[in-house]
N, C-alpha and C. Protein backbone atom coordinates (compact mmCIF):
# COMPACT_ATOMS: atom_id res chain seq x y z
N MET A 1 0.85 -1.19 0.00
CA MET A 1 0.00 0.00 0.00
C MET A 1 0.88 1.24 0.00
N SER A 2 0.54 2.20 -0.85
CA SER A 2 1.27 3.47 -0.89
C SER A 2 0.63 4.45 0.10
N VAL A 3 1.48 5.15 0.82
CA VAL A 3 1.02 6.01 1.92
C VAL A 3 1.65 7.39 1.80
N SER A 4 0.85 8.42 2.04
CA SER A 4 1.36 9.79 2.15
C SER A 4 1.28 10.21 3.61
N ALA A 5 2.01 11.23 3.96
CA ALA A 5 1.93 11.82 5.29
C ALA A 5 1.92 13.33 5.15
N ALA A 6 1.08 13.98 5.93
CA ALA A 6 0.97 15.45 5.90
C ALA A 6 1.21 15.99 7.30
N ILE A 7 2.15 16.92 7.38
CA ILE A 7 2.47 17.55 8.67
C ILE A 7 1.78 18.90 8.73
N MET A 8 1.01 19.12 9.79
CA MET A 8 0.31 20.38 9.96
C MET A 8 1.25 21.39 10.63
N ALA A 9 1.57 22.47 9.90
CA ALA A 9 2.49 23.47 10.43
C ALA A 9 1.95 24.88 10.20
N GLY A 10 0.64 25.01 10.12
CA GLY A 10 0.07 26.32 9.81
C GLY A 10 -0.44 27.09 11.00
N GLY A 11 -0.24 26.55 12.19
CA GLY A 11 -0.75 27.23 13.39
C GLY A 11 0.03 28.49 13.70
N LYS A 12 -0.52 29.27 14.61
CA LYS A 12 0.08 30.57 14.95
C LYS A 12 1.07 30.48 16.12
N SER A 13 1.07 29.36 16.85
CA SER A 13 1.97 29.16 18.00
C SER A 13 1.83 30.25 19.04
N LYS A 14 0.61 30.78 19.21
CA LYS A 14 0.40 31.89 20.15
C LYS A 14 0.77 31.53 21.58
N ARG A 15 0.36 30.33 22.02
CA ARG A 15 0.64 29.95 23.41
C ARG A 15 2.11 29.70 23.66
N MET A 16 2.85 29.29 22.60
CA MET A 16 4.28 29.03 22.76
C MET A 16 5.07 30.33 22.73
N GLY A 17 4.59 31.32 21.97
CA GLY A 17 5.31 32.58 21.87
C GLY A 17 6.40 32.58 20.81
N GLN A 18 6.60 31.46 20.14
CA GLN A 18 7.53 31.34 19.02
C GLN A 18 7.06 30.18 18.16
N ASP A 19 7.56 30.08 16.94
CA ASP A 19 7.12 29.04 16.03
C ASP A 19 7.55 27.67 16.55
N LYS A 20 6.56 26.87 16.95
CA LYS A 20 6.84 25.56 17.55
C LYS A 20 7.64 24.65 16.63
N ALA A 21 7.36 24.73 15.34
CA ALA A 21 7.97 23.81 14.39
C ALA A 21 9.49 23.86 14.44
N TRP A 22 10.05 25.04 14.73
CA TRP A 22 11.50 25.21 14.65
C TRP A 22 12.19 25.13 16.01
N ILE A 23 11.44 24.87 17.06
CA ILE A 23 12.07 24.67 18.37
C ILE A 23 12.89 23.39 18.31
N GLU A 24 14.11 23.46 18.80
CA GLU A 24 14.99 22.30 18.71
C GLU A 24 14.92 21.42 19.95
N LEU A 25 14.95 20.14 19.68
CA LEU A 25 15.03 19.12 20.73
C LEU A 25 16.17 18.20 20.32
N ASP A 26 17.17 18.06 21.16
CA ASP A 26 18.36 17.29 20.82
C ASP A 26 18.99 17.78 19.52
N GLY A 27 18.99 19.12 19.33
CA GLY A 27 19.65 19.71 18.18
C GLY A 27 18.89 19.60 16.87
N GLU A 28 17.64 19.17 16.93
CA GLU A 28 16.85 19.00 15.71
C GLU A 28 15.50 19.70 15.86
N PRO A 29 15.07 20.49 14.87
CA PRO A 29 13.76 21.14 14.96
C PRO A 29 12.65 20.10 15.10
N LEU A 30 11.62 20.44 15.87
CA LEU A 30 10.51 19.51 16.08
C LEU A 30 9.96 19.00 14.76
N ILE A 31 9.77 19.89 13.79
CA ILE A 31 9.17 19.47 12.52
C ILE A 31 10.07 18.48 11.79
N ALA A 32 11.38 18.61 11.92
CA ALA A 32 12.30 17.66 11.28
C ALA A 32 12.20 16.30 11.96
N ARG A 33 12.02 16.29 13.27
CA ARG A 33 11.83 15.02 14.00
C ARG A 33 10.56 14.34 13.52
N VAL A 34 9.47 15.11 13.39
CA VAL A 34 8.19 14.56 12.92
C VAL A 34 8.37 14.00 11.50
N ALA A 35 8.98 14.78 10.63
CA ALA A 35 9.17 14.34 9.24
C ALA A 35 10.02 13.07 9.17
N GLY A 36 11.03 12.99 10.02
CA GLY A 36 11.90 11.82 10.02
C GLY A 36 11.16 10.55 10.37
N VAL A 37 10.30 10.61 11.37
CA VAL A 37 9.52 9.42 11.75
C VAL A 37 8.54 9.08 10.63
N LEU A 38 7.83 10.07 10.12
CA LEU A 38 6.84 9.80 9.07
C LEU A 38 7.49 9.22 7.82
N ALA A 39 8.71 9.65 7.51
CA ALA A 39 9.41 9.13 6.32
C ALA A 39 9.70 7.64 6.43
N THR A 40 9.72 7.11 7.64
CA THR A 40 9.98 5.67 7.80
C THR A 40 8.75 4.82 7.50
N VAL A 41 7.57 5.44 7.45
CA VAL A 41 6.33 4.68 7.23
C VAL A 41 5.53 5.16 6.02
N ALA A 42 5.93 6.28 5.42
CA ALA A 42 5.18 6.84 4.30
C ALA A 42 6.09 6.99 3.08
N ASP A 43 5.47 6.90 1.90
CA ASP A 43 6.20 7.05 0.66
C ASP A 43 6.41 8.52 0.30
N GLU A 44 5.60 9.39 0.89
CA GLU A 44 5.66 10.83 0.62
C GLU A 44 5.36 11.56 1.92
N VAL A 45 6.13 12.61 2.21
CA VAL A 45 5.84 13.47 3.35
C VAL A 45 5.74 14.90 2.83
N LEU A 46 4.64 15.57 3.16
CA LEU A 46 4.46 16.96 2.77
C LEU A 46 4.12 17.79 4.00
N VAL A 47 4.25 19.10 3.85
CA VAL A 47 3.98 20.03 4.94
C VAL A 47 2.88 20.98 4.50
N VAL A 48 1.87 21.16 5.35
CA VAL A 48 0.83 22.16 5.10
C VAL A 48 1.22 23.41 5.89
N ALA A 49 1.59 24.46 5.17
CA ALA A 49 2.02 25.71 5.81
C ALA A 49 1.97 26.83 4.79
N ASN A 50 1.79 28.04 5.28
CA ASN A 50 1.75 29.20 4.40
C ASN A 50 3.07 29.97 4.36
N ASP A 51 4.05 29.50 5.11
CA ASP A 51 5.34 30.18 5.19
C ASP A 51 6.37 29.43 4.34
N PRO A 52 7.00 30.11 3.38
CA PRO A 52 7.96 29.43 2.51
C PRO A 52 9.20 28.89 3.23
N LYS A 53 9.44 29.30 4.47
CA LYS A 53 10.63 28.81 5.17
C LYS A 53 10.62 27.29 5.35
N PHE A 54 9.44 26.68 5.26
CA PHE A 54 9.36 25.23 5.43
C PHE A 54 9.99 24.48 4.26
N GLU A 55 10.19 25.19 3.14
CA GLU A 55 10.81 24.55 1.98
C GLU A 55 12.23 24.09 2.28
N ARG A 56 12.88 24.70 3.29
CA ARG A 56 14.25 24.30 3.60
C ARG A 56 14.33 22.88 4.16
N LEU A 57 13.19 22.28 4.48
CA LEU A 57 13.17 20.89 4.94
C LEU A 57 13.36 19.92 3.77
N GLY A 58 13.24 20.43 2.54
CA GLY A 58 13.37 19.57 1.38
C GLY A 58 12.10 18.77 1.09
N LEU A 59 11.00 19.17 1.69
CA LEU A 59 9.71 18.50 1.48
C LEU A 59 8.80 19.41 0.67
N ARG A 60 7.80 18.83 0.04
CA ARG A 60 6.81 19.64 -0.67
C ARG A 60 5.99 20.41 0.36
N VAL A 61 5.87 21.71 0.17
CA VAL A 61 5.09 22.56 1.06
C VAL A 61 3.82 22.97 0.32
N VAL A 62 2.68 22.72 0.94
CA VAL A 62 1.39 23.00 0.34
C VAL A 62 0.73 24.13 1.13
N PRO A 63 0.37 25.25 0.48
CA PRO A 63 -0.31 26.32 1.20
C PRO A 63 -1.71 25.88 1.62
N ASP A 64 -2.11 26.31 2.80
CA ASP A 64 -3.41 25.96 3.35
C ASP A 64 -4.52 26.49 2.45
N LYS A 65 -5.31 25.59 1.90
CA LYS A 65 -6.40 25.96 0.99
C LYS A 65 -7.52 26.68 1.74
N TRP A 66 -7.66 26.38 3.04
CA TRP A 66 -8.70 26.98 3.87
C TRP A 66 -8.03 27.64 5.09
N PRO A 67 -7.34 28.78 4.92
CA PRO A 67 -6.59 29.37 6.02
C PRO A 67 -7.44 29.76 7.22
N ASP A 68 -8.74 29.95 7.03
CA ASP A 68 -9.61 30.25 8.17
C ASP A 68 -10.35 29.01 8.65
N GLY A 69 -9.93 27.86 8.18
CA GLY A 69 -10.62 26.61 8.51
C GLY A 69 -10.04 25.86 9.68
N GLY A 70 -9.09 26.48 10.40
CA GLY A 70 -8.50 25.83 11.56
C GLY A 70 -7.81 24.52 11.20
N ALA A 71 -7.72 23.64 12.18
CA ALA A 71 -7.05 22.35 11.96
C ALA A 71 -7.75 21.55 10.86
N LEU A 72 -9.07 21.63 10.81
CA LEU A 72 -9.79 20.88 9.78
C LEU A 72 -9.38 21.36 8.38
N GLY A 73 -9.23 22.66 8.19
CA GLY A 73 -8.79 23.18 6.91
C GLY A 73 -7.41 22.68 6.53
N GLY A 74 -6.52 22.63 7.52
CA GLY A 74 -5.17 22.11 7.26
C GLY A 74 -5.19 20.64 6.90
N ILE A 75 -5.97 19.87 7.64
CA ILE A 75 -6.07 18.43 7.36
C ILE A 75 -6.65 18.22 5.96
N ALA A 76 -7.72 18.92 5.64
CA ALA A 76 -8.35 18.79 4.32
C ALA A 76 -7.36 19.16 3.22
N THR A 77 -6.57 20.20 3.44
CA THR A 77 -5.56 20.61 2.46
C THR A 77 -4.54 19.51 2.26
N GLY A 78 -4.01 18.98 3.36
CA GLY A 78 -2.98 17.95 3.28
C GLY A 78 -3.48 16.67 2.64
N VAL A 79 -4.65 16.22 3.05
CA VAL A 79 -5.20 14.98 2.50
C VAL A 79 -5.52 15.18 1.02
N GLY A 80 -6.07 16.35 0.68
CA GLY A 80 -6.39 16.63 -0.70
C GLY A 80 -5.17 16.73 -1.60
N ALA A 81 -4.07 17.23 -1.07
CA ALA A 81 -2.85 17.42 -1.87
C ALA A 81 -1.98 16.17 -1.93
N ALA A 82 -2.25 15.20 -1.10
CA ALA A 82 -1.41 14.00 -1.02
C ALA A 82 -1.48 13.20 -2.32
N ALA A 83 -0.39 12.53 -2.63
CA ALA A 83 -0.31 11.72 -3.84
C ALA A 83 -1.05 10.39 -3.70
N HIS A 84 -1.21 9.93 -2.47
CA HIS A 84 -1.79 8.60 -2.23
C HIS A 84 -3.13 8.70 -1.50
N ASP A 85 -3.91 7.63 -1.57
CA ASP A 85 -5.24 7.62 -0.96
C ASP A 85 -5.22 7.53 0.55
N THR A 86 -4.18 6.94 1.10
CA THR A 86 -4.05 6.79 2.55
C THR A 86 -3.08 7.86 3.04
N VAL A 87 -3.55 8.70 3.98
CA VAL A 87 -2.74 9.84 4.41
C VAL A 87 -2.65 9.87 5.94
N LEU A 88 -1.43 9.82 6.43
CA LEU A 88 -1.17 9.99 7.86
C LEU A 88 -1.08 11.48 8.13
N VAL A 89 -1.75 11.95 9.16
CA VAL A 89 -1.73 13.37 9.49
C VAL A 89 -1.15 13.54 10.88
N ALA A 90 -0.16 14.44 10.99
CA ALA A 90 0.48 14.69 12.28
C ALA A 90 0.69 16.18 12.47
N ALA A 91 0.65 16.61 13.72
CA ALA A 91 0.98 17.98 14.07
C ALA A 91 2.50 18.12 14.09
N CYS A 92 2.98 19.34 13.87
CA CYS A 92 4.43 19.58 13.82
C CYS A 92 5.05 19.64 15.22
N ASP A 93 4.22 19.59 16.25
CA ASP A 93 4.73 19.79 17.62
C ASP A 93 4.67 18.52 18.46
N MET A 94 4.87 17.37 17.82
CA MET A 94 4.82 16.09 18.52
C MET A 94 6.22 15.45 18.47
N PRO A 95 7.05 15.75 19.48
CA PRO A 95 8.46 15.38 19.39
C PRO A 95 8.76 13.89 19.52
N PHE A 96 7.80 13.09 19.98
CA PHE A 96 8.10 11.68 20.25
C PHE A 96 7.26 10.72 19.43
N LEU A 97 6.91 11.13 18.21
CA LEU A 97 6.13 10.24 17.35
C LEU A 97 6.81 8.88 17.26
N SER A 98 6.00 7.86 17.04
CA SER A 98 6.50 6.49 17.01
C SER A 98 6.08 5.82 15.70
N ALA A 99 7.06 5.30 14.98
CA ALA A 99 6.76 4.56 13.75
C ALA A 99 5.86 3.37 14.05
N GLU A 100 6.02 2.76 15.23
CA GLU A 100 5.21 1.60 15.59
C GLU A 100 3.73 1.98 15.72
N VAL A 101 3.45 3.15 16.27
CA VAL A 101 2.06 3.60 16.38
C VAL A 101 1.48 3.82 14.99
N TRP A 102 2.25 4.46 14.10
CA TRP A 102 1.76 4.67 12.74
C TRP A 102 1.52 3.35 12.04
N ARG A 103 2.41 2.38 12.24
CA ARG A 103 2.21 1.06 11.61
C ARG A 103 0.94 0.41 12.13
N LEU A 104 0.66 0.58 13.42
CA LEU A 104 -0.58 0.04 13.98
C LEU A 104 -1.79 0.66 13.29
N LEU A 105 -1.79 1.96 13.10
CA LEU A 105 -2.90 2.61 12.40
C LEU A 105 -3.01 2.09 10.97
N LEU A 106 -1.88 1.92 10.31
CA LEU A 106 -1.88 1.45 8.93
C LEU A 106 -2.41 0.02 8.81
N GLU A 107 -2.24 -0.79 9.85
CA GLU A 107 -2.79 -2.14 9.85
C GLU A 107 -4.31 -2.12 9.69
N HIS A 108 -4.94 -1.03 10.11
CA HIS A 108 -6.40 -0.90 10.06
C HIS A 108 -6.86 -0.04 8.88
N ALA A 109 -5.94 0.32 7.97
CA ALA A 109 -6.25 1.30 6.92
C ALA A 109 -7.45 0.91 6.07
N GLY A 110 -7.64 -0.33 5.74
CA GLY A 110 -8.74 -0.71 4.87
C GLY A 110 -10.08 -0.83 5.57
N GLU A 111 -10.08 -0.64 6.88
CA GLU A 111 -11.30 -0.87 7.66
C GLU A 111 -12.21 0.35 7.78
N ALA A 112 -11.68 1.55 7.51
CA ALA A 112 -12.47 2.77 7.70
C ALA A 112 -11.83 3.91 6.94
N ASP A 113 -12.59 4.98 6.76
CA ASP A 113 -12.06 6.19 6.12
C ASP A 113 -11.14 6.96 7.05
N VAL A 114 -11.41 6.87 8.35
CA VAL A 114 -10.59 7.52 9.37
C VAL A 114 -10.20 6.44 10.38
N VAL A 115 -8.90 6.31 10.63
CA VAL A 115 -8.40 5.41 11.68
C VAL A 115 -7.70 6.32 12.67
N ILE A 116 -8.23 6.35 13.90
CA ILE A 116 -7.83 7.40 14.82
C ILE A 116 -7.63 6.88 16.25
N PRO A 117 -6.52 7.22 16.87
CA PRO A 117 -6.32 6.83 18.26
C PRO A 117 -7.32 7.54 19.18
N LYS A 118 -7.71 6.84 20.24
CA LYS A 118 -8.61 7.41 21.24
C LYS A 118 -7.95 7.21 22.60
N ILE A 119 -7.63 8.33 23.25
CA ILE A 119 -6.92 8.29 24.53
C ILE A 119 -7.70 9.12 25.54
N GLY A 120 -7.97 8.53 26.68
CA GLY A 120 -8.73 9.24 27.72
C GLY A 120 -10.07 9.72 27.22
N GLY A 121 -10.67 8.96 26.31
CA GLY A 121 -11.97 9.32 25.76
C GLY A 121 -11.93 10.37 24.66
N GLU A 122 -10.73 10.86 24.33
CA GLU A 122 -10.58 11.91 23.31
C GLU A 122 -9.96 11.34 22.04
N LEU A 123 -10.49 11.74 20.90
CA LEU A 123 -9.93 11.33 19.62
C LEU A 123 -8.72 12.21 19.29
N GLU A 124 -7.65 11.59 18.84
CA GLU A 124 -6.40 12.29 18.51
C GLU A 124 -6.41 12.67 17.03
N THR A 125 -7.11 13.76 16.71
CA THR A 125 -7.36 14.14 15.31
C THR A 125 -6.10 14.56 14.56
N LEU A 126 -5.07 15.00 15.28
CA LEU A 126 -3.82 15.40 14.62
C LEU A 126 -2.74 14.33 14.76
N HIS A 127 -3.19 13.09 14.87
CA HIS A 127 -2.30 11.93 14.91
C HIS A 127 -3.14 10.76 14.38
N ALA A 128 -3.58 10.88 13.14
CA ALA A 128 -4.56 9.92 12.63
C ALA A 128 -4.34 9.66 11.14
N LEU A 129 -5.07 8.67 10.66
CA LEU A 129 -5.04 8.30 9.25
C LEU A 129 -6.36 8.71 8.61
N TYR A 130 -6.28 9.40 7.49
CA TYR A 130 -7.48 9.83 6.75
C TYR A 130 -7.37 9.34 5.31
N ALA A 131 -8.47 8.82 4.77
CA ALA A 131 -8.52 8.43 3.37
C ALA A 131 -8.95 9.63 2.53
N LYS A 132 -8.55 9.63 1.27
CA LYS A 132 -8.93 10.73 0.37
C LYS A 132 -10.45 10.89 0.29
N ALA A 133 -11.20 9.79 0.51
CA ALA A 133 -12.66 9.84 0.45
C ALA A 133 -13.23 10.85 1.46
N CYS A 134 -12.45 11.25 2.45
CA CYS A 134 -12.91 12.21 3.46
C CYS A 134 -12.96 13.65 2.93
N VAL A 135 -12.16 13.96 1.92
CA VAL A 135 -11.97 15.35 1.51
C VAL A 135 -13.28 16.07 1.17
N PRO A 136 -14.19 15.49 0.35
CA PRO A 136 -15.43 16.23 0.06
C PRO A 136 -16.26 16.51 1.31
N HIS A 137 -16.24 15.58 2.25
CA HIS A 137 -16.99 15.76 3.50
C HIS A 137 -16.34 16.83 4.38
N MET A 138 -15.01 16.86 4.39
CA MET A 138 -14.29 17.91 5.11
C MET A 138 -14.62 19.27 4.50
N ALA A 139 -14.57 19.35 3.18
CA ALA A 139 -14.82 20.61 2.47
C ALA A 139 -16.24 21.12 2.75
N ARG A 140 -17.20 20.19 2.79
CA ARG A 140 -18.58 20.58 3.08
C ARG A 140 -18.68 21.14 4.51
N ALA A 141 -18.04 20.47 5.45
CA ALA A 141 -18.07 20.94 6.84
C ALA A 141 -17.47 22.34 6.95
N ILE A 142 -16.35 22.56 6.25
CA ILE A 142 -15.70 23.88 6.28
C ILE A 142 -16.63 24.93 5.68
N ALA A 143 -17.24 24.59 4.55
CA ALA A 143 -18.15 25.54 3.88
C ALA A 143 -19.33 25.90 4.78
N GLU A 144 -19.72 24.96 5.64
CA GLU A 144 -20.84 25.20 6.56
C GLU A 144 -20.36 25.76 7.90
N ASN A 145 -19.06 26.11 7.97
CA ASN A 145 -18.45 26.67 9.17
C ASN A 145 -18.54 25.73 10.38
N ARG A 146 -18.52 24.44 10.11
CA ARG A 146 -18.43 23.42 11.17
C ARG A 146 -16.96 23.01 11.21
N LEU A 147 -16.18 23.69 12.04
CA LEU A 147 -14.73 23.58 11.96
C LEU A 147 -14.10 22.60 12.94
N ARG A 148 -14.88 21.98 13.79
CA ARG A 148 -14.29 20.92 14.63
C ARG A 148 -13.86 19.80 13.71
N VAL A 149 -12.68 19.25 13.93
CA VAL A 149 -12.18 18.22 13.03
C VAL A 149 -13.18 17.08 12.91
N ILE A 150 -13.82 16.71 13.99
CA ILE A 150 -14.74 15.57 13.97
C ILE A 150 -16.09 15.89 13.34
N SER A 151 -16.30 17.12 12.89
CA SER A 151 -17.61 17.53 12.39
C SER A 151 -18.05 16.76 11.14
N PHE A 152 -17.13 16.16 10.42
CA PHE A 152 -17.51 15.40 9.22
C PHE A 152 -17.56 13.89 9.48
N PHE A 153 -17.23 13.46 10.69
CA PHE A 153 -17.11 12.03 10.98
C PHE A 153 -18.42 11.27 10.76
N ASP A 154 -19.56 11.95 10.92
CA ASP A 154 -20.83 11.24 10.72
C ASP A 154 -21.07 10.88 9.25
N ALA A 155 -20.29 11.45 8.33
CA ALA A 155 -20.46 11.19 6.90
C ALA A 155 -19.49 10.13 6.36
N VAL A 156 -18.59 9.65 7.22
CA VAL A 156 -17.58 8.67 6.80
C VAL A 156 -17.53 7.53 7.81
N THR A 157 -16.74 6.50 7.50
CA THR A 157 -16.55 5.42 8.47
C THR A 157 -15.32 5.75 9.32
N VAL A 158 -15.45 5.53 10.61
CA VAL A 158 -14.39 5.87 11.56
C VAL A 158 -14.08 4.65 12.42
N LYS A 159 -12.81 4.34 12.55
CA LYS A 159 -12.38 3.28 13.45
C LYS A 159 -11.46 3.89 14.50
N ALA A 160 -11.89 3.84 15.74
CA ALA A 160 -11.07 4.33 16.85
C ALA A 160 -10.18 3.20 17.36
N ILE A 161 -8.91 3.50 17.53
CA ILE A 161 -7.98 2.55 18.13
C ILE A 161 -7.87 2.93 19.60
N GLU A 162 -8.31 2.04 20.45
CA GLU A 162 -8.42 2.33 21.88
C GLU A 162 -7.07 2.18 22.59
N GLU A 163 -7.01 2.74 23.79
CA GLU A 163 -5.76 2.77 24.56
C GLU A 163 -5.09 1.41 24.74
N PRO A 164 -5.83 0.35 25.10
CA PRO A 164 -5.12 -0.92 25.31
C PRO A 164 -4.33 -1.38 24.08
N GLU A 165 -4.90 -1.21 22.89
CA GLU A 165 -4.20 -1.60 21.67
C GLU A 165 -3.01 -0.67 21.41
N LEU A 166 -3.18 0.61 21.68
CA LEU A 166 -2.08 1.57 21.50
C LEU A 166 -0.94 1.28 22.46
N ARG A 167 -1.28 0.90 23.70
CA ARG A 167 -0.25 0.66 24.71
C ARG A 167 0.60 -0.58 24.41
N VAL A 168 0.13 -1.46 23.55
CA VAL A 168 0.93 -2.61 23.15
C VAL A 168 2.20 -2.14 22.44
N VAL A 169 2.08 -1.09 21.60
CA VAL A 169 3.24 -0.59 20.86
C VAL A 169 3.85 0.67 21.48
N ASP A 170 3.12 1.34 22.38
CA ASP A 170 3.61 2.56 23.03
C ASP A 170 3.08 2.56 24.47
N PRO A 171 3.73 1.80 25.36
CA PRO A 171 3.19 1.58 26.71
C PRO A 171 2.87 2.86 27.50
N THR A 172 3.62 3.93 27.29
CA THR A 172 3.38 5.17 28.04
C THR A 172 2.59 6.19 27.24
N LEU A 173 2.26 5.86 26.00
CA LEU A 173 1.55 6.77 25.08
C LEU A 173 2.35 8.06 24.84
N ARG A 174 3.66 7.95 24.95
CA ARG A 174 4.54 9.10 24.78
C ARG A 174 4.44 9.71 23.37
N ALA A 175 4.09 8.87 22.38
CA ALA A 175 4.00 9.35 21.00
C ALA A 175 2.95 10.46 20.85
N PHE A 176 2.03 10.55 21.80
CA PHE A 176 0.94 11.52 21.69
C PHE A 176 1.23 12.83 22.43
N THR A 177 2.46 12.96 22.94
CA THR A 177 2.87 14.20 23.60
C THR A 177 2.98 15.31 22.57
N ASN A 178 2.35 16.45 22.85
CA ASN A 178 2.58 17.61 22.00
C ASN A 178 2.94 18.79 22.89
N VAL A 179 3.57 19.78 22.28
CA VAL A 179 4.05 20.92 23.05
C VAL A 179 3.43 22.20 22.51
N ASN A 180 2.54 22.79 23.30
CA ASN A 180 1.86 24.02 22.91
C ASN A 180 2.31 25.24 23.70
N THR A 181 2.92 24.99 24.85
CA THR A 181 3.33 26.08 25.73
C THR A 181 4.78 25.87 26.17
N PRO A 182 5.44 26.91 26.66
CA PRO A 182 6.79 26.72 27.19
C PRO A 182 6.84 25.68 28.31
N GLU A 183 5.77 25.61 29.11
CA GLU A 183 5.72 24.63 30.20
C GLU A 183 5.66 23.20 29.66
N GLU A 184 4.85 23.00 28.62
CA GLU A 184 4.77 21.67 28.02
C GLU A 184 6.09 21.29 27.37
N LEU A 185 6.77 22.26 26.78
CA LEU A 185 8.08 22.00 26.19
C LEU A 185 9.07 21.59 27.26
N ALA A 186 9.10 22.33 28.36
CA ALA A 186 10.02 22.01 29.45
C ALA A 186 9.75 20.62 29.99
N SER A 187 8.49 20.30 30.13
CA SER A 187 8.10 18.97 30.62
C SER A 187 8.54 17.89 29.64
N ALA A 188 8.36 18.13 28.35
CA ALA A 188 8.78 17.17 27.33
C ALA A 188 10.29 16.98 27.33
N LEU A 189 11.01 18.08 27.50
CA LEU A 189 12.47 18.01 27.52
C LEU A 189 12.98 17.22 28.73
N ALA A 190 12.20 17.20 29.79
CA ALA A 190 12.59 16.50 31.01
C ALA A 190 12.32 15.00 30.91
N LEU A 191 11.54 14.58 29.91
CA LEU A 191 11.22 13.16 29.76
C LEU A 191 12.47 12.40 29.34
N PRO A 192 12.63 11.17 29.86
CA PRO A 192 13.80 10.38 29.47
C PRO A 192 13.73 9.92 28.03
């Protein structure tokens, strides 16, 4: 199966106070860490961002088609621009992504249009697999100003991967750590 991956890097990083994508962890920008993990499981990695500086990563940069569409607009842009029907979507601020977690999601790729981890009762919309079949439903939700990522889920098939299955490949669920604030970054940096 051919797989694309789209990294969401169009956020404003207001709570962090600086562009999260370029914050370094172990001498590497967060977005480069994310791209490196995704490259081990996907045939193509692209970045959804409106800033040309992301081109220095050597990846295809796709401008956000729905800049006022929030995360859903970014996801719809990335999935729509991807070369392949199966698209892994990740936020640029997840320093501990795990190839094993992505492989687990890919094992379920043919079972639903959206394959999504569910942790603590919450769906991890920026760490999920979306099929191209979702794009028209995403676009309709955006046009109707229903901008919650899950707002189109009732129009597609969704398979949630629950915590026990996720913990088999990521016992501490560390792959789902994201950093939105300086405090979260400090906490992440303190992790072994």
